[in-house]
Amino acid sequence: MSTETEVRGDHHVFAGSDPAYTAIGSVAFISAMPALTPLMLDATAGVLVSWDGVNAGQAVAVLALDHNGTAGTGTYYKSGTFDMSAIVWPEDVDIVKKRNAFVGSAISVA
């Protein structure tokens, strides 16, 4: 009998002991999205979309799994404390907005 050893990369996603819970929600992406993309609610359409990086406090969730960009639902984290460097932020978002992106939600970054 041979033993196969799985090699896991040293990728730290979480930064704390807060429980991280997931849910499935309706999404509307215009292209494929990588896991750990911050999400916001499009109030008009009522679906989750990638956070635009414009206003702190509007990100409400983190995409849990890679998304193909066409499915109408996606799995997201609705709680937890994440390593700030693991999040896939929009380009040119400053550190202040990153720290406060999820203010008012059950998500936080450290």
Protein backbone atom coordinates (compact mmCIF):
# COMPACT_ATOMS: atom_id res chain seq x y z
CA MET A 1 0.00 0.00 0.00
CA SER A 2 1.37 3.39 -0.93
CA THR A 3 0.68 6.65 0.84
CA GLU A 4 -0.06 9.83 -1.02
CA THR A 5 0.73 13.09 0.73
CA GLU A 6 -1.18 16.20 -0.15
CA VAL A 7 0.88 19.37 -0.19
CA ARG A 8 -0.98 22.42 1.00
CA GLY A 9 0.25 25.91 0.27
CA ASP A 10 0.77 28.27 3.17
CA HIS A 11 -2.15 30.50 2.20
CA HIS A 12 -3.74 32.21 5.19
CA VAL A 13 -7.25 33.42 4.47
CA PHE A 14 -8.53 34.00 7.98
CA ALA A 15 -7.06 36.33 10.57
CA GLY A 16 -8.86 35.59 13.79
CA SER A 17 -11.05 33.16 15.61
CA ASP A 18 -14.41 34.53 14.48
CA PRO A 19 -16.61 31.84 12.95
CA ALA A 20 -16.83 32.01 9.16
CA TYR A 21 -20.21 31.03 7.76
CA THR A 22 -21.20 30.69 4.14
CA ALA A 23 -24.45 31.07 2.24
CA ILE A 24 -25.65 30.86 -1.34
CA GLY A 25 -27.07 33.97 -2.94
CA SER A 26 -28.13 35.41 -6.27
CA VAL A 27 -25.25 37.05 -8.10
CA ALA A 28 -24.77 39.05 -11.28
CA PHE A 29 -21.17 39.11 -12.51
CA ILE A 30 -20.12 40.36 -15.94
CA SER A 31 -17.10 38.02 -15.98
CA ALA A 32 -15.51 35.21 -14.00
CA MET A 33 -14.70 36.18 -10.39
CA PRO A 34 -11.98 34.71 -8.20
CA ALA A 35 -12.69 33.48 -4.68
CA LEU A 36 -12.16 36.13 -1.98
CA THR A 37 -13.57 38.97 -4.07
CA PRO A 38 -15.45 41.44 -1.84
CA LEU A 39 -19.14 41.70 -2.71
CA MET A 40 -21.80 44.36 -2.34
CA LEU A 41 -25.53 44.32 -2.86
CA ASP A 42 -26.90 45.95 -5.99
CA ALA A 43 -29.95 47.52 -4.36
CA THR A 44 -31.79 48.00 -7.65
CA ALA A 45 -31.47 44.42 -8.91
CA GLY A 46 -31.28 42.79 -5.46
CA VAL A 47 -28.23 40.68 -6.36
CA LEU A 48 -24.64 40.46 -5.14
CA VAL A 49 -22.00 42.05 -7.37
CA SER A 50 -18.31 42.70 -6.91
CA TRP A 51 -17.62 45.66 -4.62
CA ASP A 52 -16.75 48.70 -6.70
CA GLY A 53 -14.22 50.04 -4.19
CA VAL A 54 -15.84 53.46 -4.18
CA ASN A 55 -17.51 53.65 -0.79
CA ALA A 56 -16.29 52.04 2.41
CA GLY A 57 -19.02 50.22 4.31
CA GLN A 58 -20.78 48.94 1.19
CA ALA A 59 -19.02 45.56 0.99
CA VAL A 60 -21.18 42.97 2.76
CA ALA A 61 -19.69 39.57 1.86
CA VAL A 62 -16.67 37.75 0.40
CA LEU A 63 -16.96 35.32 -2.50
CA ALA A 64 -16.09 31.87 -1.10
CA LEU A 65 -15.47 29.96 -4.34
CA ASP A 66 -14.28 30.89 -7.80
CA HIS A 67 -17.27 31.81 -9.97
CA ASN A 68 -17.56 31.18 -13.70
CA GLY A 69 -19.31 34.50 -14.33
CA THR A 70 -22.44 32.96 -15.82
CA ALA A 71 -24.21 31.07 -13.02
CA GLY A 72 -26.99 32.98 -11.29
CA THR A 73 -25.96 31.91 -7.78
CA GLY A 74 -22.71 31.95 -5.84
CA THR A 75 -21.35 30.82 -2.49
CA TYR A 76 -20.16 33.62 -0.25
CA TYR A 77 -18.86 34.16 3.28
CA LYS A 78 -21.36 36.10 5.34
CA SER A 79 -19.14 36.31 8.44
CA GLY A 80 -15.54 35.96 9.54
CA THR A 81 -12.30 37.90 9.95
CA PHE A 82 -10.08 37.75 6.88
CA ASP A 83 -6.41 38.44 6.31
CA MET A 84 -6.49 41.77 4.47
CA SER A 85 -3.80 40.61 2.04
CA ALA A 86 -5.85 37.54 1.03
CA ILE A 87 -8.81 39.59 -0.24
CA VAL A 88 -8.93 40.23 -4.00
CA TRP A 89 -9.48 43.99 -3.85
CA PRO A 90 -10.46 46.17 -6.81
CA GLU A 91 -7.49 48.00 -8.31
CA ASP A 92 -6.39 51.29 -6.74
CA VAL A 93 -8.37 50.90 -3.49
CA ASP A 94 -6.51 52.67 -0.69
CA ILE A 95 -5.78 51.16 2.72
CA VAL A 96 -8.43 53.25 4.51
CA LYS A 97 -11.21 51.91 2.29
CA LYS A 98 -9.86 48.36 2.63
CA ARG A 99 -9.92 48.58 6.42
CA ASN A 100 -13.46 49.99 6.43
CA ALA A 101 -14.93 48.18 3.42
CA PHE A 102 -17.08 45.85 5.55
CA VAL A 103 -18.07 48.24 8.38
CA GLY A 104 -21.58 47.38 9.51
CA SER A 105 -21.44 43.77 8.32
CA ALA A 106 -20.33 40.53 10.01
CA ILE A 107 -17.13 40.55 7.93
CA SER A 108 -13.92 42.19 9.10
CA VAL A 109 -10.31 42.34 7.93
CA ALA A 110 -7.07 42.37 9.88
